Amino acid sequence: MLGPVHGHSEADLYGLLYGFAFCPGQAAREIDSAEALQRLLEPADNDEFMWLHLNLAHAACERWMRSHLDLPESFFETLREGSRSTRIEHTDGALLAVVNDIVFNFGLVSSDVSTLWACARRRLLVSVRLQPLHSVDKLRLSVKQGECFGSTVELLAHLLGDQGDLLTQVVRETTMKVDGIEDQLLSLRLSDNRAELSSLRRVLVRLQRLLALEPGSLLRLLNRPPDWLREQDLRQLRAATEEFAVIISDLTSLVERIKLLQEEIAAKLTEQNNRTLFTLTVVTVLALPINIIAGFFGMNVGGIPLADDPHGFWVLVALVATFTVLVGRWAFIITTLNEYLV
């Protein structure tokens, strides 16, 4: 039987991680691969269905699915194609879904993305993955806790909802970090947050690209649904995708907010650099007269003025001080004018 398995079992040989048998109004019952095949071969109540979750990294997984499960060829083609954008589409009387999931820990945003491929028919939902998915684990926990499901599409809609919850958590945690950086910016306490903002923006843009549901696939599904799909299933699927679209919109807004913060920080840092350069320029100009005079009087040549005058030193000090005051006054006027214009 499935569950915590130690060593090799029949389920391990085919890559089946776990399976559940559902009856409407009742809690699901966990089954193994042999019982799943037996239920597929025997006539069953129209309202009964199963969910099989497999590990695609297992060498025998795809071969076992081709041999024993009635899955369309387009499903296996989807497993091998490069595009992993989130979508739900109707093909060969079945629903094909590609759902992406992420790894997110508090205090650390990860850009690791895992993909789930699912194929739903009236009596069977098959899901496969290469890496563990948080959303699938949440769905499995809900099933084991006795939550009732009426169809395979309800399971799929619940999976999208769990993915939306996880993405909401990502947006919430990222928003808290962005709020802290914005508070520092408003209090004029600039710190080295540009690298952190760049990392957050890069992760969110990648999630937005991979997790956003393709609108065309859902529109085609709603316009041409499978015959076995109930109106209630369509409503649940539409509600789940609309809620997910709202979350993606919030993520997009957060990306734009991070972009504006990056531009604001860059502008303030540029302004600080300009002020620093201006200060250095003024100091250089103020020190220029005495450096020039020191250079002239340091030449070992004849005819140096005031060389024999007992008050020559003080005359030069007066000249340098006068010129320095004039240049300082000019720099003060220019600084005040720039601040006024800004």
C-alpha atoms as a PDB file:
ATOM      1  CA  MET A   1       0.000   0.000   0.000  1.00  0.00           C
ATOM      2  CA  LEU A   2       0.976   3.620  -0.388  1.00  0.00           C
ATOM      3  CA  GLY A   3       1.803   6.020   2.396  1.00  0.00           C
ATOM      4  CA  PRO A   4       5.158   6.083   4.152  1.00  0.00           C
ATOM      5  CA  VAL A   5       6.940   3.372   2.150  1.00  0.00           C
ATOM      6  CA  HIS A   6      10.310   1.952   3.104  1.00  0.00           C
ATOM      7  CA  GLY A   7      12.215  -0.024   0.524  1.00  0.00           C
ATOM      8  CA  HIS A   8      10.787  -1.074  -2.845  1.00  0.00           C
ATOM      9  CA  SER A   9       7.112  -1.602  -3.516  1.00  0.00           C
ATOM     10  CA  GLU A  10       4.924  -2.024  -6.550  1.00  0.00           C
ATOM     11  CA  ALA A  11       4.174   1.689  -6.502  1.00  0.00           C
ATOM     12  CA  ASP A  12       7.894   2.471  -6.496  1.00  0.00           C
ATOM     13  CA  LEU A  13       8.449   0.375  -9.615  1.00  0.00           C
ATOM     14  CA  TYR A  14       6.117   2.596 -11.655  1.00  0.00           C
ATOM     15  CA  GLY A  15       6.903   5.958 -10.081  1.00  0.00           C
ATOM     16  CA  LEU A  16       3.453   6.315  -8.488  1.00  0.00           C
ATOM     17  CA  LEU A  17       3.775   8.589  -5.450  1.00  0.00           C
ATOM     18  CA  TYR A  18       0.197   8.280  -4.245  1.00  0.00           C
ATOM     19  CA  GLY A  19      -3.309   7.737  -5.520  1.00  0.00           C
ATOM     20  CA  PHE A  20      -6.810   8.398  -4.206  1.00  0.00           C
ATOM     21  CA  ALA A  21     -10.255   7.068  -5.086  1.00  0.00           C
ATOM     22  CA  PHE A  22     -13.160   9.515  -4.717  1.00  0.00           C
ATOM     23  CA  CYS A  23     -16.891   9.116  -4.296  1.00  0.00           C
ATOM     24  CA  PRO A  24     -18.993  12.307  -4.174  1.00  0.00           C
ATOM     25  CA  GLY A  25     -19.982  13.179  -0.637  1.00  0.00           C
ATOM     26  CA  GLN A  26     -17.400  10.859   0.911  1.00  0.00           C
ATOM     27  CA  ALA A  27     -13.809  11.176   2.017  1.00  0.00           C
ATOM     28  CA  ALA A  28     -11.211   9.884  -0.435  1.00  0.00           C
ATOM     29  CA  ARG A  29      -9.559   6.500   0.027  1.00  0.00           C
ATOM     30  CA  GLU A  30      -5.869   5.982  -0.692  1.00  0.00           C
ATOM     31  CA  ILE A  31      -5.097   3.292  -3.282  1.00  0.00           C
ATOM     32  CA  ASP A  32      -2.043   1.723  -4.905  1.00  0.00           C
ATOM     33  CA  SER A  33      -1.204   1.213  -8.577  1.00  0.00           C
ATOM     34  CA  ALA A  34      -2.701  -2.288  -8.795  1.00  0.00           C
ATOM     35  CA  GLU A  35      -6.046  -1.173  -7.399  1.00  0.00           C
ATOM     36  CA  ALA A  36      -6.006   1.870  -9.652  1.00  0.00           C
ATOM     37  CA  LEU A  37      -5.605  -0.293 -12.755  1.00  0.00           C
ATOM     38  CA  GLN A  38      -8.324  -2.644 -11.555  1.00  0.00           C
ATOM     39  CA  ARG A  39     -10.753   0.231 -11.049  1.00  0.00           C
ATOM     40  CA  LEU A  40      -9.987   1.527 -14.544  1.00  0.00           C
ATOM     41  CA  LEU A  41     -10.765  -1.859 -16.113  1.00  0.00           C
ATOM     42  CA  GLU A  42     -13.975  -2.500 -14.187  1.00  0.00           C
ATOM     43  CA  PRO A  43     -17.237  -0.584 -14.737  1.00  0.00           C
ATOM     44  CA  ALA A  44     -17.750   2.031 -12.073  1.00  0.00           C
ATOM     45  CA  ASP A  45     -20.333   4.513 -10.967  1.00  0.00           C
ATOM     46  CA  ASN A  46     -20.346   7.588 -13.168  1.00  0.00           C
ATOM     47  CA  ASP A  47     -19.639   9.790 -10.143  1.00  0.00           C
ATOM     48  CA  GLU A  48     -16.539   7.876  -8.989  1.00  0.00           C
ATOM     49  CA  PHE A  49     -13.098   9.051 -10.054  1.00  0.00           C
ATOM     50  CA  MET A  50      -9.409   8.748  -9.141  1.00  0.00           C
ATOM     51  CA  TRP A  51      -6.362  10.926  -8.753  1.00  0.00           C
ATOM     52  CA  LEU A  52      -2.931   9.451  -9.505  1.00  0.00           C
ATOM     53  CA  HIS A  53       0.198  11.491  -8.807  1.00  0.00           C
ATOM     54  CA  LEU A  54       3.457  10.208 -10.331  1.00  0.00           C
ATOM     55  CA  ASN A  55       7.142  11.034 -10.321  1.00  0.00           C
ATOM     56  CA  LEU A  56       8.244  11.803 -13.887  1.00  0.00           C
ATOM     57  CA  ALA A  57      11.897  11.407 -12.897  1.00  0.00           C
ATOM     58  CA  HIS A  58      11.251   7.672 -12.464  1.00  0.00           C
ATOM     59  CA  ALA A  59      12.536   5.715 -15.457  1.00  0.00           C
ATOM     60  CA  ALA A  60       9.386   3.564 -15.803  1.00  0.00           C
ATOM     61  CA  CYS A  61       6.841   6.328 -15.197  1.00  0.00           C
ATOM     62  CA  GLU A  62       6.134   7.434 -18.772  1.00  0.00           C
ATOM     63  CA  ARG A  63       6.187   3.862 -20.092  1.00  0.00           C
ATOM     64  CA  TRP A  64       3.699   2.763 -17.427  1.00  0.00           C
ATOM     65  CA  MET A  65       1.364   5.666 -18.224  1.00  0.00           C
ATOM     66  CA  ARG A  66       1.458   4.869 -21.944  1.00  0.00           C
ATOM     67  CA  SER A  67       0.725   1.195 -21.315  1.00  0.00           C
ATOM     68  CA  HIS A  68      -2.038   1.403 -18.715  1.00  0.00           C
ATOM     69  CA  LEU A  69      -3.606   4.877 -18.729  1.00  0.00           C
ATOM     70  CA  ASP A  70      -5.831   6.213 -21.472  1.00  0.00           C
ATOM     71  CA  LEU A  71      -4.046   9.516 -21.979  1.00  0.00           C
ATOM     72  CA  PRO A  72      -3.922  11.553 -25.205  1.00  0.00           C
ATOM     73  CA  GLU A  73      -0.667  11.734 -27.122  1.00  0.00           C
ATOM     74  CA  SER A  74      -0.692  15.524 -26.765  1.00  0.00           C
ATOM     75  CA  PHE A  75      -0.165  15.052 -23.019  1.00  0.00           C
ATOM     76  CA  PHE A  76       3.139  13.231 -23.597  1.00  0.00           C
ATOM     77  CA  GLU A  77       4.146  15.835 -26.164  1.00  0.00           C
ATOM     78  CA  THR A  78       3.537  18.530 -23.531  1.00  0.00           C
ATOM     79  CA  LEU A  79       5.904  16.720 -21.162  1.00  0.00           C
ATOM     80  CA  ARG A  80       8.746  17.064 -23.659  1.00  0.00           C
ATOM     81  CA  GLU A  81       8.134  20.559 -25.032  1.00  0.00           C
ATOM     82  CA  GLY A  82      10.184  23.529 -23.840  1.00  0.00           C
ATOM     83  CA  SER A  83       7.303  25.888 -23.038  1.00  0.00           C
ATOM     84  CA  ARG A  84       6.158  25.636 -19.406  1.00  0.00           C
ATOM     85  CA  SER A  85       3.815  28.598 -19.194  1.00  0.00           C
ATOM     86  CA  THR A  86       0.775  28.030 -17.004  1.00  0.00           C
ATOM     87  CA  ARG A  87      -2.222  27.040 -19.092  1.00  0.00           C
ATOM     88  CA  ILE A  88      -5.339  24.879 -19.265  1.00  0.00           C
ATOM     89  CA  GLU A  89      -6.538  23.591 -22.616  1.00  0.00           C
ATOM     90  CA  HIS A  90      -8.949  21.086 -24.127  1.00  0.00           C
ATOM     91  CA  THR A  91      -7.562  18.396 -26.396  1.00  0.00           C
ATOM     92  CA  ASP A  92      -8.839  14.958 -27.415  1.00  0.00           C
ATOM     93  CA  GLY A  93     -11.712  15.026 -24.935  1.00  0.00           C
ATOM     94  CA  ALA A  94      -9.426  15.742 -21.952  1.00  0.00           C
ATOM     95  CA  LEU A  95      -8.187  18.754 -20.023  1.00  0.00           C
ATOM     96  CA  LEU A  96      -4.445  19.353 -20.159  1.00  0.00           C
ATOM     97  CA  ALA A  97      -2.976  21.647 -17.509  1.00  0.00           C
ATOM     98  CA  VAL A  98       0.539  22.952 -16.949  1.00  0.00           C
ATOM     99  CA  VAL A  99       0.911  24.432 -13.471  1.00  0.00           C
ATOM    100  CA  ASN A 100       4.122  25.966 -12.098  1.00  0.00           C
ATOM    101  CA  ASP A 101       5.038  26.129  -8.449  1.00  0.00           C
ATOM    102  CA  ILE A 102       7.832  27.914  -6.562  1.00  0.00           C
ATOM    103  CA  VAL A 103       9.966  27.381  -3.501  1.00  0.00           C
ATOM    104  CA  PHE A 104       9.532  30.241  -1.030  1.00  0.00           C
ATOM    105  CA  ASN A 105      10.897  30.511   2.517  1.00  0.00           C
ATOM    106  CA  PHE A 106      10.340  33.344   4.960  1.00  0.00           C
ATOM    107  CA  GLY A 107      13.187  35.798   4.673  1.00  0.00           C
ATOM    108  CA  LEU A 108      14.428  34.264   1.427  1.00  0.00           C
ATOM    109  CA  VAL A 109      12.845  34.519  -2.008  1.00  0.00           C
ATOM    110  CA  SER A 110      13.878  31.695  -4.293  1.00  0.00           C
ATOM    111  CA  SER A 111      13.549  31.691  -8.051  1.00  0.00           C
ATOM    112  CA  ASP A 112      13.349  27.888  -8.224  1.00  0.00           C
ATOM    113  CA  VAL A 113      10.273  26.882 -10.224  1.00  0.00           C
ATOM    114  CA  SER A 114       8.837  23.390 -10.455  1.00  0.00           C
ATOM    115  CA  THR A 115       6.296  22.284 -13.052  1.00  0.00           C
ATOM    116  CA  LEU A 116       3.274  20.024 -12.737  1.00  0.00           C
ATOM    117  CA  TRP A 117       1.661  18.438 -15.788  1.00  0.00           C
ATOM    118  CA  ALA A 118      -1.915  17.227 -15.354  1.00  0.00           C
ATOM    119  CA  CYS A 119      -4.456  15.448 -17.548  1.00  0.00           C
ATOM    120  CA  ALA A 120      -8.073  15.302 -16.419  1.00  0.00           C
ATOM    121  CA  ARG A 121     -10.874  13.104 -17.703  1.00  0.00           C
ATOM    122  CA  ARG A 122     -14.247  12.335 -16.188  1.00  0.00           C
ATOM    123  CA  ARG A 123     -13.005   9.367 -14.133  1.00  0.00           C
ATOM    124  CA  LEU A 124      -9.299  10.068 -13.847  1.00  0.00           C
ATOM    125  CA  LEU A 125      -6.904  12.887 -12.966  1.00  0.00           C
ATOM    126  CA  VAL A 126      -3.234  12.150 -13.636  1.00  0.00           C
ATOM    127  CA  SER A 127      -0.552  14.546 -12.419  1.00  0.00           C
ATOM    128  CA  VAL A 128       3.195  14.171 -12.880  1.00  0.00           C
ATOM    129  CA  ARG A 129       6.135  16.232 -11.708  1.00  0.00           C
ATOM    130  CA  LEU A 130       9.940  16.191 -11.659  1.00  0.00           C
ATOM    131  CA  GLN A 131      10.376  17.954  -8.315  1.00  0.00           C
ATOM    132  CA  PRO A 132       8.144  18.177  -5.239  1.00  0.00           C
ATOM    133  CA  LEU A 133       5.461  20.881  -5.386  1.00  0.00           C
ATOM    134  CA  HIS A 134       4.057  22.780  -2.424  1.00  0.00           C
ATOM    135  CA  SER A 135       0.665  23.217  -4.049  1.00  0.00           C
ATOM    136  CA  VAL A 136       0.309  19.464  -4.653  1.00  0.00           C
ATOM    137  CA  ASP A 137       1.323  18.747  -1.066  1.00  0.00           C
ATOM    138  CA  LYS A 138      -1.376  21.143   0.131  1.00  0.00           C
ATOM    139  CA  LEU A 139      -3.945  19.442  -2.093  1.00  0.00           C
ATOM    140  CA  ARG A 140      -2.910  16.023  -0.811  1.00  0.00           C
ATOM    141  CA  LEU A 141      -3.208  17.270   2.790  1.00  0.00           C
ATOM    142  CA  SER A 142      -6.717  18.554   2.088  1.00  0.00           C
ATOM    143  CA  VAL A 143      -7.691  15.177   0.621  1.00  0.00           C
ATOM    144  CA  LYS A 144      -6.234  13.228   3.548  1.00  0.00           C
ATOM    145  CA  GLN A 145      -8.052  15.507   5.999  1.00  0.00           C
ATOM    146  CA  GLY A 146     -11.369  14.416   4.516  1.00  0.00           C
ATOM    147  CA  GLU A 147     -12.281  17.294   2.200  1.00  0.00           C
ATOM    148  CA  CYS A 148     -14.853  16.122  -0.346  1.00  0.00           C
ATOM    149  CA  PHE A 149     -14.487  16.649  -4.089  1.00  0.00           C
ATOM    150  CA  GLY A 150     -17.158  16.078  -6.693  1.00  0.00           C
ATOM    151  CA  SER A 151     -15.060  15.772  -9.858  1.00  0.00           C
ATOM    152  CA  THR A 152     -11.561  15.807 -11.269  1.00  0.00           C
ATOM    153  CA  VAL A 153     -12.026  19.444 -12.302  1.00  0.00           C
ATOM    154  CA  GLU A 154     -12.735  20.377  -8.670  1.00  0.00           C
ATOM    155  CA  LEU A 155      -9.361  18.875  -7.775  1.00  0.00           C
ATOM    156  CA  LEU A 156      -7.720  20.882 -10.549  1.00  0.00           C
ATOM    157  CA  ALA A 157      -9.443  24.101  -9.456  1.00  0.00           C
ATOM    158  CA  HIS A 158      -8.383  23.458  -5.867  1.00  0.00           C
ATOM    159  CA  LEU A 159      -4.805  22.998  -7.089  1.00  0.00           C
ATOM    160  CA  LEU A 160      -4.916  26.389  -8.821  1.00  0.00           C
ATOM    161  CA  GLY A 161      -6.293  27.922  -5.634  1.00  0.00           C
ATOM    162  CA  ASP A 162      -3.437  26.441  -3.595  1.00  0.00           C
ATOM    163  CA  GLN A 163      -0.948  27.829  -6.088  1.00  0.00           C
ATOM    164  CA  GLY A 164      -2.635  31.220  -5.803  1.00  0.00           C
ATOM    165  CA  ASP A 165      -2.338  31.074  -2.006  1.00  0.00           C
ATOM    166  CA  LEU A 166       1.366  30.377  -2.287  1.00  0.00           C
ATOM    167  CA  LEU A 167       1.849  33.231  -4.741  1.00  0.00           C
ATOM    168  CA  THR A 168      -0.112  35.530  -2.414  1.00  0.00           C
ATOM    169  CA  GLN A 169       2.345  34.623   0.318  1.00  0.00           C
ATOM    170  CA  VAL A 170       5.232  35.546  -1.982  1.00  0.00           C
ATOM    171  CA  VAL A 171       3.648  38.907  -2.813  1.00  0.00           C
ATOM    172  CA  ARG A 172       2.918  39.609   0.869  1.00  0.00           C
ATOM    173  CA  GLU A 173       6.455  38.846   2.043  1.00  0.00           C
ATOM    174  CA  THR A 174       8.019  40.784  -0.829  1.00  0.00           C
ATOM    175  CA  THR A 175       5.736  43.756  -0.156  1.00  0.00           C
ATOM    176  CA  MET A 176       6.951  43.860   3.460  1.00  0.00           C
ATOM    177  CA  LYS A 177      10.558  44.030   2.274  1.00  0.00           C
ATOM    178  CA  VAL A 178       9.744  46.739  -0.259  1.00  0.00           C
ATOM    179  CA  ASP A 179       7.893  48.728   2.438  1.00  0.00           C
ATOM    180  CA  GLY A 180      11.006  48.671   4.636  1.00  0.00           C
ATOM    181  CA  ILE A 181      13.213  49.874   1.785  1.00  0.00           C
ATOM    182  CA  GLU A 182      10.708  52.614   0.919  1.00  0.00           C
ATOM    183  CA  ASP A 183      10.617  53.798   4.550  1.00  0.00           C
ATOM    184  CA  GLN A 184      14.400  54.112   4.531  1.00  0.00           C
ATOM    185  CA  LEU A 185      14.212  56.057   1.294  1.00  0.00           C
ATOM    186  CA  LEU A 186      11.589  58.473   2.628  1.00  0.00           C
ATOM    187  CA  SER A 187      13.583  59.058   5.821  1.00  0.00           C
ATOM    188  CA  LEU A 188      16.643  59.917   3.684  1.00  0.00           C
ATOM    189  CA  ARG A 189      18.544  56.940   5.083  1.00  0.00           C
ATOM    190  CA  LEU A 190      19.902  55.544   1.869  1.00  0.00           C
ATOM    191  CA  SER A 191      21.525  52.175   2.203  1.00  0.00           C
ATOM    192  CA  ASP A 192      22.776  49.619  -0.259  1.00  0.00           C
ATOM    193  CA  ASN A 193      19.318  48.276  -1.174  1.00  0.00           C
ATOM    194  CA  ARG A 194      19.711  48.394  -4.916  1.00  0.00           C
ATOM    195  CA  ALA A 195      21.050  44.839  -5.091  1.00  0.00           C
ATOM    196  CA  GLU A 196      18.164  43.531  -2.986  1.00  0.00           C
ATOM    197  CA  LEU A 197      15.587  45.372  -5.088  1.00  0.00           C
ATOM    198  CA  SER A 198      17.170  44.060  -8.275  1.00  0.00           C
ATOM    199  CA  SER A 199      17.029  40.504  -6.930  1.00  0.00           C
ATOM    200  CA  LEU A 200      13.377  40.848  -5.880  1.00  0.00           C
ATOM    201  CA  ARG A 201      12.410  42.348  -9.219  1.00  0.00           C
ATOM    202  CA  ARG A 202      14.232  39.630 -11.147  1.00  0.00           C
ATOM    203  CA  VAL A 203      12.442  36.887  -9.177  1.00  0.00           C
ATOM    204  CA  LEU A 204       9.016  38.506  -9.499  1.00  0.00           C
ATOM    205  CA  VAL A 205       9.393  39.077 -13.236  1.00  0.00           C
ATOM    206  CA  ARG A 206      10.334  35.414 -13.682  1.00  0.00           C
ATOM    207  CA  LEU A 207       7.360  34.284 -11.600  1.00  0.00           C
ATOM    208  CA  GLN A 208       5.069  36.599 -13.531  1.00  0.00           C
ATOM    209  CA  ARG A 209       6.272  35.119 -16.801  1.00  0.00           C
ATOM    210  CA  LEU A 210       5.929  31.487 -15.686  1.00  0.00           C
ATOM    211  CA  LEU A 211       2.863  31.610 -13.433  1.00  0.00           C
ATOM    212  CA  ALA A 212       0.608  33.914 -15.427  1.00  0.00           C
ATOM    213  CA  LEU A 213      -2.201  31.893 -16.985  1.00  0.00           C
ATOM    214  CA  GLU A 214      -2.423  32.084 -20.746  1.00  0.00           C
ATOM    215  CA  PRO A 215      -5.745  33.903 -21.377  1.00  0.00           C
ATOM    216  CA  GLY A 216      -6.230  32.328 -24.785  1.00  0.00           C
ATOM    217  CA  SER A 217      -6.153  28.754 -23.460  1.00  0.00           C
ATOM    218  CA  LEU A 218      -8.902  29.412 -20.904  1.00  0.00           C
ATOM    219  CA  LEU A 219     -11.020  31.251 -23.469  1.00  0.00           C
ATOM    220  CA  ARG A 220     -10.802  28.314 -25.880  1.00  0.00           C
ATOM    221  CA  LEU A 221     -11.705  25.921 -23.081  1.00  0.00           C
ATOM    222  CA  LEU A 222     -14.772  27.917 -22.050  1.00  0.00           C
ATOM    223  CA  ASN A 223     -15.928  28.207 -25.649  1.00  0.00           C
ATOM    224  CA  ARG A 224     -15.393  24.507 -26.434  1.00  0.00           C
ATOM    225  CA  PRO A 225     -15.504  22.473 -23.207  1.00  0.00           C
ATOM    226  CA  PRO A 226     -15.422  18.641 -23.138  1.00  0.00           C
ATOM    227  CA  ASP A 227     -18.782  16.871 -23.181  1.00  0.00           C
ATOM    228  CA  TRP A 228     -18.282  15.373 -19.738  1.00  0.00           C
ATOM    229  CA  LEU A 229     -17.545  18.761 -18.103  1.00  0.00           C
ATOM    230  CA  ARG A 230     -20.376  19.980 -15.884  1.00  0.00           C
ATOM    231  CA  GLU A 231     -21.555  23.566 -15.716  1.00  0.00           C
ATOM    232  CA  GLN A 232     -20.610  23.631 -12.048  1.00  0.00           C
ATOM    233  CA  ASP A 233     -17.063  22.580 -12.952  1.00  0.00           C
ATOM    234  CA  LEU A 234     -16.834  25.390 -15.499  1.00  0.00           C
ATOM    235  CA  ARG A 235     -17.893  27.940 -12.896  1.00  0.00           C
ATOM    236  CA  GLN A 236     -15.342  26.686 -10.376  1.00  0.00           C
ATOM    237  CA  LEU A 237     -12.612  26.670 -12.969  1.00  0.00           C
ATOM    238  CA  ARG A 238     -13.497  30.182 -14.106  1.00  0.00           C
ATOM    239  CA  ALA A 239     -13.562  31.452 -10.501  1.00  0.00           C
ATOM    240  CA  ALA A 240     -10.183  29.878  -9.721  1.00  0.00           C
ATOM    241  CA  THR A 241      -8.544  31.350 -12.811  1.00  0.00           C
ATOM    242  CA  GLU A 242     -10.061  34.806 -12.214  1.00  0.00           C
ATOM    243  CA  GLU A 243      -8.763  34.810  -8.640  1.00  0.00           C
ATOM    244  CA  PHE A 244      -5.362  33.737  -9.902  1.00  0.00           C
ATOM    245  CA  ALA A 245      -5.415  36.545 -12.492  1.00  0.00           C
ATOM    246  CA  VAL A 246      -6.031  39.101  -9.718  1.00  0.00           C
ATOM    247  CA  ILE A 247      -2.990  37.809  -7.835  1.00  0.00           C
ATOM    248  CA  ILE A 248      -0.861  38.060 -10.972  1.00  0.00           C
ATOM    249  CA  SER A 249      -2.091  41.648 -11.374  1.00  0.00           C
ATOM    250  CA  ASP A 250      -0.954  42.428  -7.812  1.00  0.00           C
ATOM    251  CA  LEU A 251       2.420  40.905  -8.625  1.00  0.00           C
ATOM    252  CA  THR A 252       2.694  43.104 -11.719  1.00  0.00           C
ATOM    253  CA  SER A 253       1.896  46.200  -9.650  1.00  0.00           C
ATOM    254  CA  LEU A 254       4.564  45.214  -7.139  1.00  0.00           C
ATOM    255  CA  VAL A 255       7.117  44.885  -9.951  1.00  0.00           C
ATOM    256  CA  GLU A 256       6.268  48.412 -11.140  1.00  0.00           C
ATOM    257  CA  ARG A 257       6.585  49.722  -7.585  1.00  0.00           C
ATOM    258  CA  ILE A 258      10.035  48.163  -7.247  1.00  0.00           C
ATOM    259  CA  LYS A 259      11.014  49.725 -10.569  1.00  0.00           C
ATOM    260  CA  LEU A 260       9.980  53.187  -9.337  1.00  0.00           C
ATOM    261  CA  LEU A 261      11.925  52.695  -6.099  1.00  0.00           C
ATOM    262  CA  GLN A 262      15.009  51.724  -8.079  1.00  0.00           C
ATOM    263  CA  GLU A 263      14.701  54.870 -10.169  1.00  0.00           C
ATOM    264  CA  GLU A 264      14.204  57.024  -7.050  1.00  0.00           C
ATOM    265  CA  ILE A 265      17.235  55.526  -5.298  1.00  0.00           C
ATOM    266  CA  ALA A 266      19.339  55.962  -8.431  1.00  0.00           C
ATOM    267  CA  ALA A 267      18.263  59.614  -8.700  1.00  0.00           C
ATOM    268  CA  LYS A 268      19.110  60.346  -5.059  1.00  0.00           C
ATOM    269  CA  LEU A 269      22.475  58.616  -5.321  1.00  0.00           C
ATOM    270  CA  THR A 270      23.234  60.602  -8.466  1.00  0.00           C
ATOM    271  CA  GLU A 271      22.325  63.808  -6.647  1.00  0.00           C
ATOM    272  CA  GLN A 272      24.621  62.903  -3.750  1.00  0.00           C
ATOM    273  CA  ASN A 273      27.460  62.142  -6.132  1.00  0.00           C
ATOM    274  CA  ASN A 274      26.953  65.481  -7.878  1.00  0.00           C
ATOM    275  CA  ARG A 275      27.063  67.331  -4.545  1.00  0.00           C
ATOM    276  CA  THR A 276      30.240  65.496  -3.564  1.00  0.00           C
ATOM    277  CA  LEU A 277      31.895  66.303  -6.874  1.00  0.00           C
ATOM    278  CA  PHE A 278      30.860  69.942  -6.577  1.00  0.00           C
ATOM    279  CA  THR A 279      32.341  70.158  -3.077  1.00  0.00           C
ATOM    280  CA  LEU A 280      35.598  68.634  -4.258  1.00  0.00           C
ATOM    281  CA  THR A 281      35.680  71.070  -7.162  1.00  0.00           C
ATOM    282  CA  VAL A 282      35.180  74.068  -4.849  1.00  0.00           C
ATOM    283  CA  VAL A 283      37.919  72.890  -2.495  1.00  0.00           C
ATOM    284  CA  THR A 284      40.248  72.429  -5.461  1.00  0.00           C
ATOM    285  CA  VAL A 285      39.483  75.935  -6.732  1.00  0.00           C
ATOM    286  CA  LEU A 286      40.008  77.449  -3.282  1.00  0.00           C
ATOM    287  CA  ALA A 287      43.392  75.764  -2.965  1.00  0.00           C
ATOM    288  CA  LEU A 288      44.452  76.695  -6.489  1.00  0.00           C
ATOM    289  CA  PRO A 289      45.878  80.243  -5.796  1.00  0.00           C
ATOM    290  CA  ILE A 290      48.174  79.194  -2.984  1.00  0.00           C
ATOM    291  CA  ASN A 291      49.372  76.183  -4.985  1.00  0.00           C
ATOM    292  CA  ILE A 292      50.188  78.382  -7.986  1.00  0.00           C
ATOM    293  CA  ILE A 293      52.020  80.962  -5.883  1.00  0.00           C
ATOM    294  CA  ALA A 294      53.895  78.246  -4.003  1.00  0.00           C
ATOM    295  CA  GLY A 295      54.943  76.804  -7.327  1.00  0.00           C
ATOM    296  CA  PHE A 296      56.221  80.144  -8.602  1.00  0.00           C
ATOM    297  CA  PHE A 297      58.177  80.973  -5.446  1.00  0.00           C
ATOM    298  CA  GLY A 298      59.599  77.496  -5.334  1.00  0.00           C
ATOM    299  CA  MET A 299      61.499  78.063  -8.588  1.00  0.00           C
ATOM    300  CA  ASN A 300      65.240  78.547  -8.128  1.00  0.00           C
ATOM    301  CA  VAL A 301      65.486  81.463 -10.520  1.00  0.00           C
ATOM    302  CA  GLY A 302      66.358  85.079 -10.117  1.00  0.00           C
ATOM    303  CA  GLY A 303      63.951  88.001 -10.122  1.00  0.00           C
ATOM    304  CA  ILE A 304      61.470  86.597  -7.599  1.00  0.00           C
ATOM    305  CA  PRO A 305      59.300  89.567  -6.562  1.00  0.00           C
ATOM    306  CA  LEU A 306      59.282  90.750  -2.967  1.00  0.00           C
ATOM    307  CA  ALA A 307      62.308  88.611  -2.201  1.00  0.00           C
ATOM    308  CA  ASP A 308      64.046  91.521  -0.453  1.00  0.00           C
ATOM    309  CA  ASP A 309      60.924  93.174   0.947  1.00  0.00           C
ATOM    310  CA  PRO A 310      60.598  92.609   4.751  1.00  0.00           C
ATOM    311  CA  HIS A 311      56.775  92.612   4.392  1.00  0.00           C
ATOM    312  CA  GLY A 312      56.652  90.464   1.257  1.00  0.00           C
ATOM    313  CA  PHE A 313      55.302  87.360   3.050  1.00  0.00           C
ATOM    314  CA  TRP A 314      52.329  89.211   4.503  1.00  0.00           C
ATOM    315  CA  VAL A 315      51.599  90.893   1.177  1.00  0.00           C
ATOM    316  CA  LEU A 316      51.305  87.483  -0.457  1.00  0.00           C
ATOM    317  CA  VAL A 317      49.156  86.154   2.416  1.00  0.00           C
ATOM    318  CA  ALA A 318      46.795  89.098   1.947  1.00  0.00           C
ATOM    319  CA  LEU A 319      46.577  88.481  -1.806  1.00  0.00           C
ATOM    320  CA  VAL A 320      45.870  84.757  -1.392  1.00  0.00           C
ATOM    321  CA  ALA A 321      43.306  85.371   1.359  1.00  0.00           C
ATOM    322  CA  THR A 322      41.524  88.002  -0.752  1.00  0.00           C
ATOM    323  CA  PHE A 323      41.353  85.752  -3.787  1.00  0.00           C
ATOM    324  CA  THR A 324      40.187  82.794  -1.679  1.00  0.00           C
ATOM    325  CA  VAL A 325      37.371  84.862  -0.146  1.00  0.00           C
ATOM    326  CA  LEU A 326      36.241  86.011  -3.587  1.00  0.00           C
ATOM    327  CA  VAL A 327      36.206  82.436  -4.947  1.00  0.00           C
ATOM    328  CA  GLY A 328      34.420  81.137  -1.836  1.00  0.00           C
ATOM    329  CA  ARG A 329      31.757  83.830  -2.201  1.00  0.00           C
ATOM    330  CA  TRP A 330      31.274  82.869  -5.814  1.00  0.00           C
ATOM    331  CA  ALA A 331      30.951  79.166  -4.905  1.00  0.00           C
ATOM    332  CA  PHE A 332      28.390  79.993  -2.191  1.00  0.00           C
ATOM    333  CA  ILE A 333      26.265  81.958  -4.659  1.00  0.00           C
ATOM    334  CA  ILE A 334      26.391  79.143  -7.224  1.00  0.00           C
ATOM    335  CA  THR A 335      25.444  76.512  -4.560  1.00  0.00           C
ATOM    336  CA  THR A 336      22.492  78.609  -3.333  1.00  0.00           C
ATOM    337  CA  LEU A 337      21.279  79.140  -6.892  1.00  0.00           C
ATOM    338  CA  ASN A 338      21.429  75.410  -7.653  1.00  0.00           C
ATOM    339  CA  GLU A 339      19.452  74.533  -4.519  1.00  0.00           C
ATOM    340  CA  TYR A 340      16.840  77.149  -5.410  1.00  0.00           C
ATOM    341  CA  LEU A 341      16.458  75.791  -8.946  1.00  0.00           C
ATOM    342  CA  VAL A 342      16.155  72.217  -7.677  1.00  0.00           C
END
